[in-house]
Amino acid sequence: MKFSPQSRVWIYQSDRKLTDQEVQQIQPELDRFAANWTAHNNQLKAKTEIRYNRFFILIVDESQAGASGCSIDKSVHFMQQVQQHLGINLFDRFNLAYREGEEVLSLPRHDFEAKLKDGSINKETVVYNNLVQNLNELETKWEVPFKDSWHIQLFRDLVAN
């Protein structure tokens, strides 16, 4: 199934890396949700994926039917159930993800700040911009160097230009 580059995207980031077993266990539930996701009784062209055993990505191609407030509420409620089922936090916007070698890690804001101060995270460190709005942005602006991300605004005082 081909999705438009303008398809809407929602990213939920886990506060810990899921095991492969957890991903295999939850992916069928995500697929079932996407297959049955509707807006005003219209089937949404939707898909879900888990990247790096950490990011839950919901994608809706609105060329067929648009996601409404109610349908978005359904997805949030569903993700709350996933969160509870797996014992993870998917709604902490200040749990910041970054790449260290091949590994994707995440830290609370104050720990991220400490790593910035000690230099183990720098302006070239790849971070994850979970605020991307569509599939095109997911592919081009999601994994970006810290210096090119919104994250740098949080730590303006620590990062000299």
C-alpha atoms as a PDB file:
ATOM      1  CA  MET A   1       0.000   0.000   0.000  1.00  0.00           C
ATOM      2  CA  LYS A   2       1.522   3.323  -1.093  1.00  0.00           C
ATOM      3  CA  PHE A   3       1.113   6.345   1.168  1.00  0.00           C
ATOM      4  CA  SER A   4       1.268  10.003   0.130  1.00  0.00           C
ATOM      5  CA  PRO A   5       4.325  11.987   1.328  1.00  0.00           C
ATOM      6  CA  GLN A   6       1.755  14.317   2.941  1.00  0.00           C
ATOM      7  CA  SER A   7       0.274  11.508   5.076  1.00  0.00           C
ATOM      8  CA  ARG A   8      -0.107  12.630   8.683  1.00  0.00           C
ATOM      9  CA  VAL A   9       2.252  11.133  11.233  1.00  0.00           C
ATOM     10  CA  TRP A  10       2.099  10.754  15.005  1.00  0.00           C
ATOM     11  CA  ILE A  11       5.122   9.470  16.903  1.00  0.00           C
ATOM     12  CA  TYR A  12       5.024   8.040  20.402  1.00  0.00           C
ATOM     13  CA  GLN A  13       8.405   7.433  21.994  1.00  0.00           C
ATOM     14  CA  SER A  14       8.877   4.819  24.672  1.00  0.00           C
ATOM     15  CA  ASP A  15      10.950   5.717  27.703  1.00  0.00           C
ATOM     16  CA  ARG A  16      12.810   2.418  27.268  1.00  0.00           C
ATOM     17  CA  LYS A  17      13.801   0.103  24.455  1.00  0.00           C
ATOM     18  CA  LEU A  18      11.296  -2.687  23.938  1.00  0.00           C
ATOM     19  CA  THR A  19      12.466  -6.264  23.684  1.00  0.00           C
ATOM     20  CA  ASP A  20      12.067  -8.018  20.336  1.00  0.00           C
ATOM     21  CA  GLN A  21       9.474 -10.230  22.036  1.00  0.00           C
ATOM     22  CA  GLU A  22       7.460  -7.173  23.152  1.00  0.00           C
ATOM     23  CA  VAL A  23       7.552  -5.762  19.616  1.00  0.00           C
ATOM     24  CA  GLN A  24       6.364  -9.085  18.160  1.00  0.00           C
ATOM     25  CA  GLN A  25       3.625  -9.238  20.787  1.00  0.00           C
ATOM     26  CA  ILE A  26       2.302  -5.689  20.259  1.00  0.00           C
ATOM     27  CA  GLN A  27       2.679  -5.276  16.466  1.00  0.00           C
ATOM     28  CA  PRO A  28      -0.437  -7.371  15.668  1.00  0.00           C
ATOM     29  CA  GLU A  29      -2.442  -5.129  18.041  1.00  0.00           C
ATOM     30  CA  LEU A  30      -1.120  -2.034  16.243  1.00  0.00           C
ATOM     31  CA  ASP A  31      -1.974  -3.575  12.860  1.00  0.00           C
ATOM     32  CA  ARG A  32      -5.481  -4.417  14.064  1.00  0.00           C
ATOM     33  CA  PHE A  33      -5.969  -0.859  15.329  1.00  0.00           C
ATOM     34  CA  ALA A  34      -4.838   0.605  11.983  1.00  0.00           C
ATOM     35  CA  ALA A  35      -7.069  -1.771  10.020  1.00  0.00           C
ATOM     36  CA  ASN A  36     -10.127  -0.740  12.053  1.00  0.00           C
ATOM     37  CA  TRP A  37      -9.345   2.954  12.561  1.00  0.00           C
ATOM     38  CA  THR A  38     -12.211   5.134  11.347  1.00  0.00           C
ATOM     39  CA  ALA A  39     -13.203   8.797  11.256  1.00  0.00           C
ATOM     40  CA  HIS A  40     -16.953   9.475  11.146  1.00  0.00           C
ATOM     41  CA  ASN A  41     -17.523   5.876  10.029  1.00  0.00           C
ATOM     42  CA  ASN A  42     -15.059   6.261   7.147  1.00  0.00           C
ATOM     43  CA  GLN A  43     -12.196   3.783   7.068  1.00  0.00           C
ATOM     44  CA  LEU A  44      -8.850   5.547   7.396  1.00  0.00           C
ATOM     45  CA  LYS A  45      -5.976   4.489   5.178  1.00  0.00           C
ATOM     46  CA  ALA A  46      -3.611   3.894   8.078  1.00  0.00           C
ATOM     47  CA  LYS A  47      -0.583   1.897   9.066  1.00  0.00           C
ATOM     48  CA  THR A  48       1.580   1.562  12.140  1.00  0.00           C
ATOM     49  CA  GLU A  49       5.188   0.684  12.689  1.00  0.00           C
ATOM     50  CA  ILE A  50       7.697   0.404  15.466  1.00  0.00           C
ATOM     51  CA  ARG A  51      11.185   1.719  14.743  1.00  0.00           C
ATOM     52  CA  TYR A  52      14.297   0.929  16.759  1.00  0.00           C
ATOM     53  CA  ASN A  53      12.128  -0.973  19.282  1.00  0.00           C
ATOM     54  CA  ARG A  54      11.320   2.453  20.737  1.00  0.00           C
ATOM     55  CA  PHE A  55       9.160   4.628  18.448  1.00  0.00           C
ATOM     56  CA  PHE A  56       5.509   3.858  17.701  1.00  0.00           C
ATOM     57  CA  ILE A  57       4.563   5.584  14.456  1.00  0.00           C
ATOM     58  CA  LEU A  58       0.962   6.020  13.299  1.00  0.00           C
ATOM     59  CA  ILE A  59       0.488   7.092   9.680  1.00  0.00           C
ATOM     60  CA  VAL A  60      -2.758   8.195   8.013  1.00  0.00           C
ATOM     61  CA  ASP A  61      -3.043   8.999   4.315  1.00  0.00           C
ATOM     62  CA  GLU A  62      -5.793  11.608   4.324  1.00  0.00           C
ATOM     63  CA  SER A  63      -6.302  11.500   0.556  1.00  0.00           C
ATOM     64  CA  GLN A  64      -8.945   8.838   1.273  1.00  0.00           C
ATOM     65  CA  ALA A  65     -10.470  10.179   4.509  1.00  0.00           C
ATOM     66  CA  GLY A  66      -9.212  12.755   6.972  1.00  0.00           C
ATOM     67  CA  ALA A  67      -8.415  12.036  10.589  1.00  0.00           C
ATOM     68  CA  SER A  68     -10.953  13.839  12.773  1.00  0.00           C
ATOM     69  CA  GLY A  69     -10.741  14.930  16.388  1.00  0.00           C
ATOM     70  CA  CYS A  70     -12.642  11.807  17.414  1.00  0.00           C
ATOM     71  CA  SER A  71     -10.376   9.492  15.430  1.00  0.00           C
ATOM     72  CA  ILE A  72      -7.285  11.162  16.903  1.00  0.00           C
ATOM     73  CA  ASP A  73      -8.791  10.725  20.377  1.00  0.00           C
ATOM     74  CA  LYS A  74      -9.258   7.009  19.566  1.00  0.00           C
ATOM     75  CA  SER A  75      -5.576   6.716  18.676  1.00  0.00           C
ATOM     76  CA  VAL A  76      -4.473   8.481  21.871  1.00  0.00           C
ATOM     77  CA  HIS A  77      -6.712   6.195  23.939  1.00  0.00           C
ATOM     78  CA  PHE A  78      -5.307   3.154  22.112  1.00  0.00           C
ATOM     79  CA  MET A  79      -1.722   4.312  22.749  1.00  0.00           C
ATOM     80  CA  GLN A  80      -2.566   4.777  26.436  1.00  0.00           C
ATOM     81  CA  GLN A  81      -3.665   1.133  26.482  1.00  0.00           C
ATOM     82  CA  VAL A  82      -0.413   0.082  24.775  1.00  0.00           C
ATOM     83  CA  GLN A  83       1.534   2.096  27.330  1.00  0.00           C
ATOM     84  CA  GLN A  84      -0.267   0.425  30.227  1.00  0.00           C
ATOM     85  CA  HIS A  85       0.031  -3.053  28.681  1.00  0.00           C
ATOM     86  CA  LEU A  86       3.803  -2.748  28.169  1.00  0.00           C
ATOM     87  CA  GLY A  87       4.542  -0.796  31.359  1.00  0.00           C
ATOM     88  CA  ILE A  88       6.175   2.076  29.451  1.00  0.00           C
ATOM     89  CA  ASN A  89       5.688   5.835  29.198  1.00  0.00           C
ATOM     90  CA  LEU A  90       4.747   7.052  25.712  1.00  0.00           C
ATOM     91  CA  PHE A  91       3.650  10.560  26.677  1.00  0.00           C
ATOM     92  CA  ASP A  92       6.740  12.164  28.262  1.00  0.00           C
ATOM     93  CA  ARG A  93       7.703  14.872  25.751  1.00  0.00           C
ATOM     94  CA  PHE A  94      10.858  15.684  27.719  1.00  0.00           C
ATOM     95  CA  ASN A  95      12.256  12.177  27.455  1.00  0.00           C
ATOM     96  CA  LEU A  96      14.739  12.962  24.673  1.00  0.00           C
ATOM     97  CA  ALA A  97      16.010  10.306  22.285  1.00  0.00           C
ATOM     98  CA  TYR A  98      19.423  10.368  20.660  1.00  0.00           C
ATOM     99  CA  ARG A  99      21.779   8.042  18.824  1.00  0.00           C
ATOM    100  CA  GLU A 100      24.978   6.762  20.369  1.00  0.00           C
ATOM    101  CA  GLY A 101      26.790   4.630  17.805  1.00  0.00           C
ATOM    102  CA  GLU A 102      24.211   2.131  16.543  1.00  0.00           C
ATOM    103  CA  GLU A 103      22.086   2.411  19.676  1.00  0.00           C
ATOM    104  CA  VAL A 104      19.081   4.706  20.162  1.00  0.00           C
ATOM    105  CA  LEU A 105      18.896   5.858  23.778  1.00  0.00           C
ATOM    106  CA  SER A 106      16.662   8.261  25.660  1.00  0.00           C
ATOM    107  CA  LEU A 107      17.055  10.353  28.754  1.00  0.00           C
ATOM    108  CA  PRO A 108      14.983  12.731  30.856  1.00  0.00           C
ATOM    109  CA  ARG A 109      15.733  16.358  30.041  1.00  0.00           C
ATOM    110  CA  HIS A 110      18.061  16.961  33.029  1.00  0.00           C
ATOM    111  CA  ASP A 111      20.184  13.870  32.230  1.00  0.00           C
ATOM    112  CA  PHE A 112      20.341  14.922  28.568  1.00  0.00           C
ATOM    113  CA  GLU A 113      21.535  18.336  29.765  1.00  0.00           C
ATOM    114  CA  ALA A 114      24.252  16.711  31.899  1.00  0.00           C
ATOM    115  CA  LYS A 115      25.527  14.784  28.853  1.00  0.00           C
ATOM    116  CA  LEU A 116      25.583  18.040  26.882  1.00  0.00           C
ATOM    117  CA  LYS A 117      27.629  19.668  29.637  1.00  0.00           C
ATOM    118  CA  ASP A 118      30.148  16.824  29.781  1.00  0.00           C
ATOM    119  CA  GLY A 119      30.405  16.728  25.975  1.00  0.00           C
ATOM    120  CA  SER A 120      29.110  13.185  25.441  1.00  0.00           C
ATOM    121  CA  ILE A 121      26.226  14.761  23.487  1.00  0.00           C
ATOM    122  CA  ASN A 122      27.219  17.535  21.088  1.00  0.00           C
ATOM    123  CA  LYS A 123      25.850  19.560  18.162  1.00  0.00           C
ATOM    124  CA  GLU A 124      26.447  16.647  15.755  1.00  0.00           C
ATOM    125  CA  THR A 125      24.697  13.999  17.887  1.00  0.00           C
ATOM    126  CA  VAL A 126      21.655  12.649  16.054  1.00  0.00           C
ATOM    127  CA  VAL A 127      18.404  13.333  17.893  1.00  0.00           C
ATOM    128  CA  TYR A 128      14.803  12.413  17.099  1.00  0.00           C
ATOM    129  CA  ASN A 129      12.292  15.103  16.204  1.00  0.00           C
ATOM    130  CA  ASN A 130       9.016  13.456  17.186  1.00  0.00           C
ATOM    131  CA  LEU A 131       7.134  16.620  16.204  1.00  0.00           C
ATOM    132  CA  VAL A 132       7.301  15.840  12.481  1.00  0.00           C
ATOM    133  CA  GLN A 133       3.874  16.246  10.894  1.00  0.00           C
ATOM    134  CA  ASN A 134       3.905  14.060   7.788  1.00  0.00           C
ATOM    135  CA  LEU A 135       5.593  11.145   6.047  1.00  0.00           C
ATOM    136  CA  ASN A 136       7.933  13.391   4.059  1.00  0.00           C
ATOM    137  CA  GLU A 137       9.154  15.072   7.268  1.00  0.00           C
ATOM    138  CA  LEU A 138       9.494  11.658   8.925  1.00  0.00           C
ATOM    139  CA  GLU A 139      11.889  10.621   6.178  1.00  0.00           C
ATOM    140  CA  THR A 140      13.838  13.916   6.044  1.00  0.00           C
ATOM    141  CA  LYS A 141      13.567  15.714   9.403  1.00  0.00           C
ATOM    142  CA  TRP A 142      13.044  13.038  12.037  1.00  0.00           C
ATOM    143  CA  GLU A 143      16.638  11.868  12.573  1.00  0.00           C
ATOM    144  CA  VAL A 144      18.686  15.068  12.563  1.00  0.00           C
ATOM    145  CA  PRO A 145      21.847  16.464  14.144  1.00  0.00           C
ATOM    146  CA  PHE A 146      21.163  18.204  17.456  1.00  0.00           C
ATOM    147  CA  LYS A 147      22.195  21.551  15.928  1.00  0.00           C
ATOM    148  CA  ASP A 148      19.370  21.271  13.343  1.00  0.00           C
ATOM    149  CA  SER A 149      16.625  20.167  15.737  1.00  0.00           C
ATOM    150  CA  TRP A 150      14.090  21.921  17.938  1.00  0.00           C
ATOM    151  CA  HIS A 151      15.932  20.408  20.917  1.00  0.00           C
ATOM    152  CA  ILE A 152      18.643  23.049  20.663  1.00  0.00           C
ATOM    153  CA  GLN A 153      16.088  25.678  21.770  1.00  0.00           C
ATOM    154  CA  LEU A 154      15.736  23.880  25.118  1.00  0.00           C
ATOM    155  CA  PHE A 155      19.460  24.126  25.743  1.00  0.00           C
ATOM    156  CA  ARG A 156      20.247  27.458  24.077  1.00  0.00           C
ATOM    157  CA  ASP A 157      22.307  28.639  27.068  1.00  0.00           C
ATOM    158  CA  LEU A 158      24.530  25.529  27.002  1.00  0.00           C
ATOM    159  CA  VAL A 159      25.294  25.411  23.296  1.00  0.00           C
ATOM    160  CA  ALA A 160      27.490  28.152  21.951  1.00  0.00           C
ATOM    161  CA  ASN A 161      27.023  29.000  18.291  1.00  0.00           C
END
